[in-house]
Amino acid sequence: MMVSGSRMRQIGWIVALAVCLGLFLALTFRVHAVNSEVLLAERQIIALKNQTLMLETEFQTRASQRQLSDWNTVDFGYSAPRADQYLGSERQLASFSAPSVPGAPSPIRVARADIPVAPAEPGEMRSPLTGQPVALTVAAADIEPGTIFAEAFGDLIADASPVRPAQARTMLSAEVVE
């Protein structure tokens, strides 16, 4: 079977367009991959700058400890506490108080009530403040609480994804933009 020249040209154009489309898709994927790598590198740079700033601050603090020690002893008369300066109980602290004078207000007393807490059953959630059982509210009876947790956890993972655009602008570039 013979194919005419115009039919061959049509097939040639279709093949050329398919090759161009394939190359375009490959280039698009490569651009997105490089863009993700750049965003990740920007985040690493920001983290390293923050770490460098923290280490510089720590170095400056440690470098000035001798000067601070001299100021404490000479100018302010401070010294490190000795072992005999620590108190063993609240009663020793109370013994340092001045005796109450007539007409002085009574000391403040704090009320405290122990709330009886029933032992928890396995898998039961309890409030850390009251110790009472906490009931999970579910919108529909057929939805399990684990499903709600999975959806919320999925949103958290999506928010923490490193593929999002980085907000890595310095103050100088922010001022120029505005």
Protein backbone atom coordinates (compact mmCIF):
# COMPACT_ATOMS: atom_id res chain seq x y z
CA MET A 1 0.00 0.00 0.00
CA MET A 2 1.41 3.32 -1.03
CA VAL A 3 1.01 6.44 1.00
CA SER A 4 0.79 9.71 -0.84
CA GLY A 5 3.21 12.59 -0.18
CA SER A 6 0.63 14.77 1.63
CA ARG A 7 -0.27 11.86 3.92
CA MET A 8 3.44 11.38 4.74
CA ARG A 9 3.76 15.09 5.53
CA GLN A 10 0.79 14.92 7.90
CA ILE A 11 2.27 11.93 9.71
CA GLY A 12 5.65 13.76 9.84
CA TRP A 13 4.04 16.85 11.38
CA ILE A 14 2.19 14.73 13.96
CA VAL A 15 5.42 12.98 14.91
CA ALA A 16 7.27 16.34 15.13
CA LEU A 17 4.51 17.82 17.31
CA ALA A 18 4.55 14.76 19.59
CA VAL A 19 8.34 15.04 19.97
CA CYS A 20 8.04 18.78 20.73
CA LEU A 21 5.29 18.12 23.28
CA GLY A 22 7.39 15.43 24.96
CA LEU A 23 10.42 17.75 25.11
CA PHE A 24 8.23 20.55 26.49
CA LEU A 25 6.89 18.30 29.26
CA ALA A 26 10.40 17.08 30.14
CA LEU A 27 11.64 20.67 30.29
CA THR A 28 8.68 21.71 32.47
CA PHE A 29 9.36 18.89 34.95
CA ARG A 30 13.04 19.80 35.04
CA VAL A 31 12.23 23.49 35.72
CA HIS A 32 9.92 22.52 38.60
CA ALA A 33 12.58 20.21 40.04
CA VAL A 34 15.22 22.96 39.93
CA ASN A 35 12.75 25.43 41.43
CA SER A 36 12.11 23.06 44.34
CA GLU A 37 15.86 22.64 44.88
CA VAL A 38 16.30 26.44 44.92
CA LEU A 39 13.51 26.85 47.49
CA LEU A 40 15.05 24.15 49.67
CA ALA A 41 18.48 25.82 49.38
CA GLU A 42 16.95 29.18 50.39
CA ARG A 43 15.43 27.60 53.50
CA GLN A 44 18.74 25.99 54.38
CA ILE A 45 20.50 29.34 53.97
CA ILE A 46 18.00 31.01 56.30
CA ALA A 47 18.42 28.24 58.88
CA LEU A 48 22.22 28.52 58.66
CA LYS A 49 22.06 32.31 59.06
CA ASN A 50 19.90 31.90 62.18
CA GLN A 51 22.32 29.30 63.56
CA THR A 52 25.30 31.58 62.81
CA LEU A 53 23.60 34.47 64.61
CA MET A 54 22.91 32.25 67.62
CA LEU A 55 26.53 31.04 67.72
CA GLU A 56 27.89 34.59 67.39
CA THR A 57 25.70 35.69 70.29
CA GLU A 58 26.89 32.76 72.39
CA PHE A 59 30.52 33.51 71.55
CA GLN A 60 30.13 37.18 72.51
CA THR A 61 28.42 36.19 75.76
CA ARG A 62 31.18 33.76 76.68
CA ALA A 63 33.85 36.28 75.72
CA SER A 64 32.38 38.86 78.09
CA GLN A 65 32.05 36.50 81.09
CA ARG A 66 35.40 37.62 82.55
CA GLN A 67 34.32 41.25 82.37
CA LEU A 68 30.95 40.39 83.92
CA SER A 69 32.72 38.49 86.70
CA ASP A 70 34.95 41.49 87.41
CA TRP A 71 31.93 43.82 87.51
CA ASN A 72 30.08 41.47 89.86
CA THR A 73 32.94 41.26 92.37
CA VAL A 74 34.40 44.77 92.19
CA ASP A 75 31.53 47.11 91.31
CA PHE A 76 28.49 45.30 92.71
CA GLY A 77 30.03 43.10 95.40
CA TYR A 78 28.24 39.98 94.17
CA SER A 79 29.64 36.52 94.77
CA ALA A 80 28.50 32.98 94.05
CA PRO A 81 26.22 31.51 96.74
CA ARG A 82 27.84 29.28 99.34
CA ALA A 83 26.45 25.96 100.50
CA ASP A 84 25.39 27.37 103.87
CA GLN A 85 23.19 29.99 102.15
CA TYR A 86 20.70 27.44 100.82
CA LEU A 87 17.60 26.71 102.88
CA GLY A 88 16.37 23.21 103.58
CA SER A 89 12.64 23.87 103.99
CA GLU A 90 9.88 26.44 103.99
CA ARG A 91 10.07 26.65 107.77
CA GLN A 92 13.63 27.95 107.59
CA LEU A 93 12.48 30.60 105.13
CA ALA A 94 9.56 31.54 107.37
CA SER A 95 11.95 31.93 110.34
CA PHE A 96 13.55 34.92 108.56
CA SER A 97 10.27 36.85 108.42
CA ALA A 98 9.63 39.75 110.75
CA PRO A 99 7.03 39.19 113.47
CA SER A 100 3.63 40.58 112.60
CA VAL A 101 2.75 43.92 114.12
CA PRO A 102 -0.68 44.88 115.43
CA GLY A 103 -2.98 45.98 112.59
CA ALA A 104 -0.97 44.18 109.90
CA PRO A 105 -3.00 42.31 107.28
CA SER A 106 -3.28 38.58 107.71
CA PRO A 107 -1.08 36.46 105.46
CA ILE A 108 -2.51 35.27 102.18
CA ARG A 109 -3.62 31.67 102.22
CA VAL A 110 -4.22 29.61 99.14
CA ALA A 111 -7.13 27.20 99.04
CA ARG A 112 -6.59 23.79 97.52
CA ALA A 113 -9.05 20.98 96.97
CA ASP A 114 -8.11 17.49 95.90
CA ILE A 115 -10.44 16.28 93.16
CA PRO A 116 -10.94 12.53 93.23
CA VAL A 117 -10.04 11.01 89.89
CA ALA A 118 -11.37 7.67 88.77
CA PRO A 119 -8.79 5.37 87.15
CA ALA A 120 -8.61 5.75 83.38
CA GLU A 121 -9.75 2.99 81.09
CA PRO A 122 -7.41 2.01 78.24
CA GLY A 123 -7.83 4.38 75.29
CA GLU A 124 -9.82 6.92 77.31
CA MET A 125 -8.78 10.56 77.04
CA ARG A 126 -8.69 12.73 80.18
CA SER A 127 -8.34 16.46 80.65
CA PRO A 128 -4.94 17.38 82.13
CA LEU A 129 -6.56 20.15 84.20
CA THR A 130 -9.52 18.39 85.78
CA GLY A 131 -8.71 14.73 85.28
CA GLN A 132 -12.25 14.12 84.05
CA PRO A 133 -12.95 12.02 80.93
CA VAL A 134 -13.14 13.97 77.66
CA ALA A 135 -15.74 12.94 75.08
CA LEU A 136 -14.85 13.35 71.43
CA THR A 137 -17.60 15.01 69.45
CA VAL A 138 -18.11 13.62 65.97
CA ALA A 139 -20.39 15.34 63.45
CA ALA A 140 -21.79 12.17 61.94
CA ALA A 141 -22.23 8.83 63.66
CA ASP A 142 -20.57 6.91 60.81
CA ILE A 143 -17.28 8.91 60.96
CA GLU A 144 -14.65 7.47 63.24
CA PRO A 145 -12.51 9.81 65.42
CA GLY A 146 -9.38 8.39 63.77
CA THR A 147 -10.56 9.72 60.42
CA ILE A 148 -10.80 13.24 61.77
CA PHE A 149 -7.30 12.92 63.22
CA ALA A 150 -5.96 11.58 59.92
CA GLU A 151 -7.44 14.52 58.01
CA ALA A 152 -6.02 17.05 60.48
CA PHE A 153 -2.63 15.29 60.43
CA GLY A 154 -2.69 15.33 56.62
CA ASP A 155 -3.25 19.11 56.67
CA LEU A 156 -0.35 19.49 59.10
CA ILE A 157 1.95 17.48 56.83
CA ALA A 158 0.85 19.53 53.82
CA ASP A 159 1.63 22.76 55.69
CA ALA A 160 5.11 21.46 56.65
CA SER A 161 5.99 20.37 53.12
CA PRO A 162 9.35 21.76 51.91
CA VAL A 163 8.02 22.18 48.37
CA ARG A 164 6.04 25.35 49.20
CA PRO A 165 7.45 28.72 48.05
CA ALA A 166 9.89 30.16 50.56
CA GLN A 167 9.37 33.60 52.07
CA ALA A 168 13.08 34.37 52.00
CA ARG A 169 13.17 38.14 51.58
CA THR A 170 15.59 40.29 53.45
CA MET A 171 14.53 43.58 54.99
CA LEU A 172 16.37 45.53 52.29
CA SER A 173 14.52 43.79 49.46
CA ALA A 174 11.21 44.15 51.35
CA GLU A 175 11.76 47.90 51.62
CA VAL A 176 12.63 48.18 47.93
CA VAL A 177 9.50 46.24 46.92
CA GLU A 178 7.20 48.49 48.94
